[in-house]
Amino acid sequence: MKSKCKFTPFLLIENDSRPPVEDIANVETIPDPLWKPSRTWTTPDSLCAIVDADAAARAGWTPVALAQAFLDGGARFLQLRAKTMAGGQLLETAAAMIELTRAAGATLIVNDRADIARLASADGVHVGQDDLAPAAVRALVGPAAIVGLSTHTVEQLDRAVQQPVTYLAIGPVFDTTTKATGYDRVGLDMVRAAAARAQAVGRPLVAIGGITIDNAPSVIDAGAASVAVIGDLLTGNDPERRTRSFLQALQRSTG
């Protein structure tokens, strides 16, 4: 029996006309990843708003509702992070979120799970040092998908620049309690070093870890193209307003 689910490849396109995700529970086959992007994703938006399912739940939000609030606040680069969510629920959540980001002309990447990103037709996937290697991820999601890789040390950076990734991430920049990495804060000097290495191979740098509306401009000044934020966007439990204020702070610092 063939699935009724309609698959489309990872594309970053203008006037997106991809069909909605249907019957995702009935998936039986995955198409061969052969496609070409209609435009190249070279520079991420200055804010990567992370929809962390656990942080959202503690604040009284569902991931989908939080994603909508981030979008309403102006965020156009979202990441879905759900470390403890069951696969089926994660797929449904990602599929619901991709409908929102399509409508807003925004980008959605999925943390860790290349399979979920592929099935939900997300724009890409972000992996860490202990996840699938970028080459394996690329084999699964294809040449047009966004693939990001977390790094925490100079040695990891030197290896990362040789991998088939779209962007590099560095962190934690500052102390953080939201996301446990097992690594100490790297500071702004490491952001500068990471930015230099990333720029040398034509890759943007995303910085994460303890980033707030107050210190984000210094991270951008250090060379990061984007800052990834979880906890600060939930300050005051008004993520739409906080996202708007965060973007305004970044805009003032760059321009």
Protein backbone atom coordinates (compact mmCIF):
# COMPACT_ATOMS: atom_id res chain seq x y z
CA MET A 1 0.00 0.00 0.00
CA LYS A 2 1.47 3.34 -0.99
CA SER A 3 1.47 6.26 1.39
CA LYS A 4 -0.80 9.19 0.66
CA CYS A 5 1.79 11.52 2.14
CA LYS A 6 3.05 14.08 -0.37
CA PHE A 7 6.76 14.66 -0.09
CA THR A 8 8.69 17.62 -1.34
CA PRO A 9 12.42 18.19 -1.16
CA PHE A 10 14.22 20.67 1.05
CA LEU A 11 13.94 23.95 -0.79
CA LEU A 12 14.36 27.54 0.19
CA ILE A 13 12.12 29.20 -2.32
CA GLU A 14 10.26 32.38 -2.86
CA ASN A 15 6.51 32.14 -3.39
CA ASP A 16 6.59 28.68 -1.82
CA SER A 17 3.86 26.52 -3.34
CA ARG A 18 4.72 23.23 -1.64
CA PRO A 19 1.63 21.22 -0.68
CA PRO A 20 0.70 20.79 2.99
CA VAL A 21 2.01 17.75 4.82
CA GLU A 22 -0.72 15.12 4.80
CA ASP A 23 -1.17 11.78 6.54
CA ILE A 24 2.33 11.81 7.98
CA ALA A 25 1.54 8.79 10.16
CA ASN A 26 1.17 6.64 7.03
CA VAL A 27 4.66 7.21 5.64
CA GLU A 28 6.12 4.07 4.05
CA THR A 29 8.65 5.32 1.52
CA ILE A 30 11.13 8.17 1.22
CA PRO A 31 11.96 9.56 -2.22
CA ASP A 32 15.46 9.81 -3.62
CA PRO A 33 16.94 13.21 -2.60
CA LEU A 34 17.72 14.64 -6.02
CA TRP A 35 16.81 18.29 -6.41
CA LYS A 36 18.30 21.74 -6.82
CA PRO A 37 17.65 24.75 -4.58
CA SER A 38 16.00 27.74 -6.22
CA ARG A 39 18.15 30.14 -4.23
CA THR A 40 21.22 29.78 -2.06
CA TRP A 41 21.04 30.19 1.72
CA THR A 42 24.28 31.97 2.54
CA THR A 43 23.54 34.28 5.45
CA PRO A 44 21.11 33.40 8.26
CA ASP A 45 18.88 35.96 9.90
CA SER A 46 20.56 37.66 12.86
CA LEU A 47 18.24 35.89 15.31
CA CYS A 48 17.71 32.14 15.44
CA ALA A 49 14.68 31.68 17.70
CA ILE A 50 14.87 28.22 19.22
CA VAL A 51 11.59 26.53 20.03
CA ASP A 52 12.75 24.31 22.89
CA ALA A 53 9.89 22.01 23.81
CA ASP A 54 10.93 21.62 27.45
CA ALA A 55 11.51 25.35 28.00
CA ALA A 56 8.23 26.09 26.26
CA ALA A 57 6.34 23.67 28.51
CA ARG A 58 7.83 25.20 31.65
CA ALA A 59 6.59 28.60 30.46
CA GLY A 60 3.14 27.25 29.62
CA TRP A 61 3.48 27.19 25.83
CA THR A 62 3.12 24.43 23.26
CA PRO A 63 5.93 24.34 20.68
CA VAL A 64 3.57 25.29 17.86
CA ALA A 65 2.07 28.22 19.75
CA LEU A 66 5.54 29.43 20.70
CA ALA A 67 6.69 29.19 17.09
CA GLN A 68 3.73 31.34 16.04
CA ALA A 69 4.60 33.92 18.69
CA PHE A 70 8.21 34.08 17.46
CA LEU A 71 7.00 34.53 13.89
CA ASP A 72 4.52 37.20 14.93
CA GLY A 73 7.40 38.99 16.62
CA GLY A 74 9.38 39.01 13.37
CA ALA A 75 11.69 36.00 13.71
CA ARG A 76 12.37 34.32 10.38
CA PHE A 77 14.92 31.68 11.39
CA LEU A 78 13.51 29.04 13.77
CA GLN A 79 14.89 25.84 15.18
CA LEU A 80 12.78 23.08 16.74
CA ARG A 81 14.53 21.42 19.67
CA ALA A 82 12.76 18.58 21.47
CA LYS A 83 15.24 16.23 23.11
CA THR A 84 12.69 14.14 25.00
CA MET A 85 9.71 14.17 22.62
CA ALA A 86 8.64 10.86 21.09
CA GLY A 87 9.29 10.48 17.38
CA GLY A 88 5.67 10.45 16.26
CA GLN A 89 4.79 13.55 18.26
CA LEU A 90 7.94 15.28 17.06
CA LEU A 91 7.02 14.61 13.44
CA GLU A 92 3.54 16.02 13.96
CA THR A 93 4.96 19.07 15.71
CA ALA A 94 7.53 19.69 12.99
CA ALA A 95 4.88 19.31 10.29
CA ALA A 96 2.60 21.82 12.04
CA MET A 97 5.46 24.26 12.48
CA ILE A 98 6.57 24.02 8.85
CA GLU A 99 3.09 25.10 7.80
CA LEU A 100 3.52 28.23 9.92
CA THR A 101 7.00 29.02 8.65
CA ARG A 102 5.99 28.49 5.02
CA ALA A 103 3.16 30.97 5.43
CA ALA A 104 5.54 33.52 6.99
CA GLY A 105 8.36 33.00 4.48
CA ALA A 106 10.58 31.79 7.31
CA THR A 107 13.14 29.01 7.70
CA LEU A 108 12.72 26.02 10.04
CA ILE A 109 15.44 23.58 10.95
CA VAL A 110 15.08 20.57 13.24
CA ASN A 111 17.58 19.83 15.98
CA ASP A 112 19.32 16.43 15.88
CA ARG A 113 16.74 14.50 13.85
CA ALA A 114 17.56 14.42 10.15
CA ASP A 115 14.83 11.83 9.61
CA ILE A 116 12.17 14.08 11.13
CA ALA A 117 13.41 17.08 9.19
CA ARG A 118 13.22 15.08 5.97
CA LEU A 119 9.77 13.67 6.58
CA ALA A 120 8.32 17.03 7.62
CA SER A 121 9.90 18.85 4.65
CA ALA A 122 11.72 21.20 6.98
CA ASP A 123 14.45 23.40 5.55
CA GLY A 124 17.24 21.54 7.28
CA VAL A 125 18.74 20.03 10.41
CA HIS A 126 21.18 21.04 13.13
CA VAL A 127 23.40 18.39 14.67
CA GLY A 128 25.82 18.24 17.57
CA GLN A 129 29.12 16.52 18.13
CA ASP A 130 27.47 13.30 19.31
CA ASP A 131 24.81 13.13 16.58
CA LEU A 132 25.05 11.82 13.03
CA ALA A 133 28.14 13.10 11.25
CA PRO A 134 27.41 15.91 8.77
CA ALA A 135 28.35 13.68 5.83
CA ALA A 136 25.77 11.11 6.93
CA VAL A 137 23.17 13.83 7.46
CA ARG A 138 23.91 15.25 4.03
CA ALA A 139 23.46 11.81 2.46
CA LEU A 140 20.00 11.64 4.01
CA VAL A 141 18.72 15.16 3.45
CA GLY A 142 20.41 15.96 0.15
CA PRO A 143 22.53 18.80 -1.22
CA ALA A 144 19.95 21.59 -0.91
CA ALA A 145 19.17 21.23 2.79
CA ILE A 146 20.60 23.46 5.49
CA VAL A 147 22.96 21.50 7.73
CA GLY A 148 24.37 23.14 10.85
CA LEU A 149 26.99 21.73 13.21
CA SER A 150 27.68 22.65 16.84
CA THR A 151 31.28 23.15 17.96
CA HIS A 152 32.81 23.98 21.32
CA THR A 153 36.57 23.83 20.88
CA VAL A 154 39.24 24.89 18.39
CA GLU A 155 39.83 21.26 17.47
CA GLN A 156 36.15 20.74 16.69
CA LEU A 157 36.12 23.91 14.61
CA ASP A 158 39.11 22.77 12.58
CA ARG A 159 37.32 19.51 11.80
CA ALA A 160 34.00 21.20 11.15
CA VAL A 161 35.29 23.48 8.40
CA GLN A 162 36.08 20.35 6.39
CA GLN A 163 32.55 18.98 6.70
CA PRO A 164 29.61 19.40 4.25
CA VAL A 165 27.80 21.93 6.41
CA THR A 166 25.90 25.11 5.60
CA TYR A 167 26.84 26.94 8.79
CA LEU A 168 28.91 26.43 11.93
CA ALA A 169 27.74 27.04 15.47
CA ILE A 170 29.88 27.91 18.50
CA GLY A 171 29.00 27.87 22.17
CA PRO A 172 28.17 28.20 24.89
CA VAL A 173 29.32 31.78 24.58
CA PHE A 174 28.19 32.69 28.09
CA ASP A 175 27.06 30.70 31.10
CA THR A 176 23.67 29.10 30.53
CA THR A 177 21.26 26.86 32.39
CA THR A 178 18.88 26.35 29.48
CA LYS A 179 20.98 24.01 27.39
CA ALA A 180 23.46 21.60 28.99
CA THR A 181 26.43 21.07 26.66
CA GLY A 182 29.05 19.65 28.99
CA TYR A 183 31.40 22.46 27.92
CA ASP A 184 32.51 25.61 29.71
CA ARG A 185 31.66 29.04 28.33
CA VAL A 186 33.86 29.89 25.37
CA GLY A 187 33.62 33.68 25.50
CA LEU A 188 33.81 36.34 22.83
CA ASP A 189 37.44 35.60 21.93
CA MET A 190 36.39 32.14 20.77
CA VAL A 191 33.53 33.66 18.80
CA ARG A 192 36.08 35.84 16.99
CA ALA A 193 38.33 32.84 16.28
CA ALA A 194 35.39 30.74 15.12
CA ALA A 195 34.10 33.53 12.88
CA ALA A 196 37.51 33.83 11.22
CA ARG A 197 37.66 30.10 10.55
CA ALA A 198 34.08 30.01 9.26
CA GLN A 199 34.57 33.02 7.01
CA ALA A 200 37.73 31.50 5.56
CA VAL A 201 35.63 28.68 4.10
CA GLY A 202 32.62 30.83 3.25
CA ARG A 203 30.38 29.65 6.06
CA PRO A 204 28.35 31.85 8.43
CA LEU A 205 28.70 31.43 12.19
CA VAL A 206 25.80 31.03 14.61
CA ALA A 207 26.56 31.65 18.30
CA ILE A 208 24.58 30.14 21.17
CA GLY A 209 24.59 29.90 24.92
CA GLY A 210 23.56 32.48 27.52
CA ILE A 211 22.80 35.08 24.89
CA THR A 212 20.45 37.85 25.98
CA ILE A 213 19.05 41.03 24.54
CA ASP A 214 21.81 42.92 26.37
CA ASN A 215 24.86 40.89 25.29
CA ALA A 216 23.71 39.82 21.82
CA PRO A 217 25.13 42.92 20.08
CA SER A 218 28.60 42.11 21.41
CA VAL A 219 28.34 38.61 19.95
CA ILE A 220 27.41 39.99 16.54
CA ASP A 221 30.25 42.51 16.83
CA ALA A 222 32.61 39.57 17.50
CA GLY A 223 31.78 38.12 14.10
CA ALA A 224 28.72 35.91 14.53
CA ALA A 225 26.20 36.17 11.70
CA SER A 226 23.38 35.03 13.97
CA VAL A 227 22.63 34.43 17.64
CA ALA A 228 20.57 31.44 18.71
CA VAL A 229 18.38 32.13 21.73
CA ILE A 230 16.14 30.03 23.95
CA GLY A 231 15.53 31.41 27.44
CA ASP A 232 15.74 35.15 26.89
CA LEU A 233 12.92 35.08 24.36
CA LEU A 234 10.65 33.75 27.10
CA THR A 235 11.42 36.66 29.44
CA GLY A 236 8.18 38.13 30.72
CA ASN A 237 6.29 35.25 29.12
CA ASP A 238 5.52 37.45 26.11
CA PRO A 239 7.68 35.88 23.38
CA GLU A 240 6.14 37.92 20.57
CA ARG A 241 7.01 41.21 22.24
CA ARG A 242 10.42 39.97 23.42
CA THR A 243 11.31 38.74 19.93
CA ARG A 244 10.39 42.11 18.45
CA SER A 245 12.52 43.90 21.04
CA PHE A 246 15.40 41.50 20.48
CA LEU A 247 15.37 42.11 16.74
CA GLN A 248 15.26 45.86 17.30
CA ALA A 249 18.32 45.61 19.57
CA LEU A 250 20.20 43.63 16.92
CA GLN A 251 19.17 46.10 14.23
CA ARG A 252 20.46 49.02 16.29
CA SER A 253 23.79 47.29 16.82
CA THR A 254 24.32 46.57 13.14
CA GLY A 255 23.01 49.62 11.73
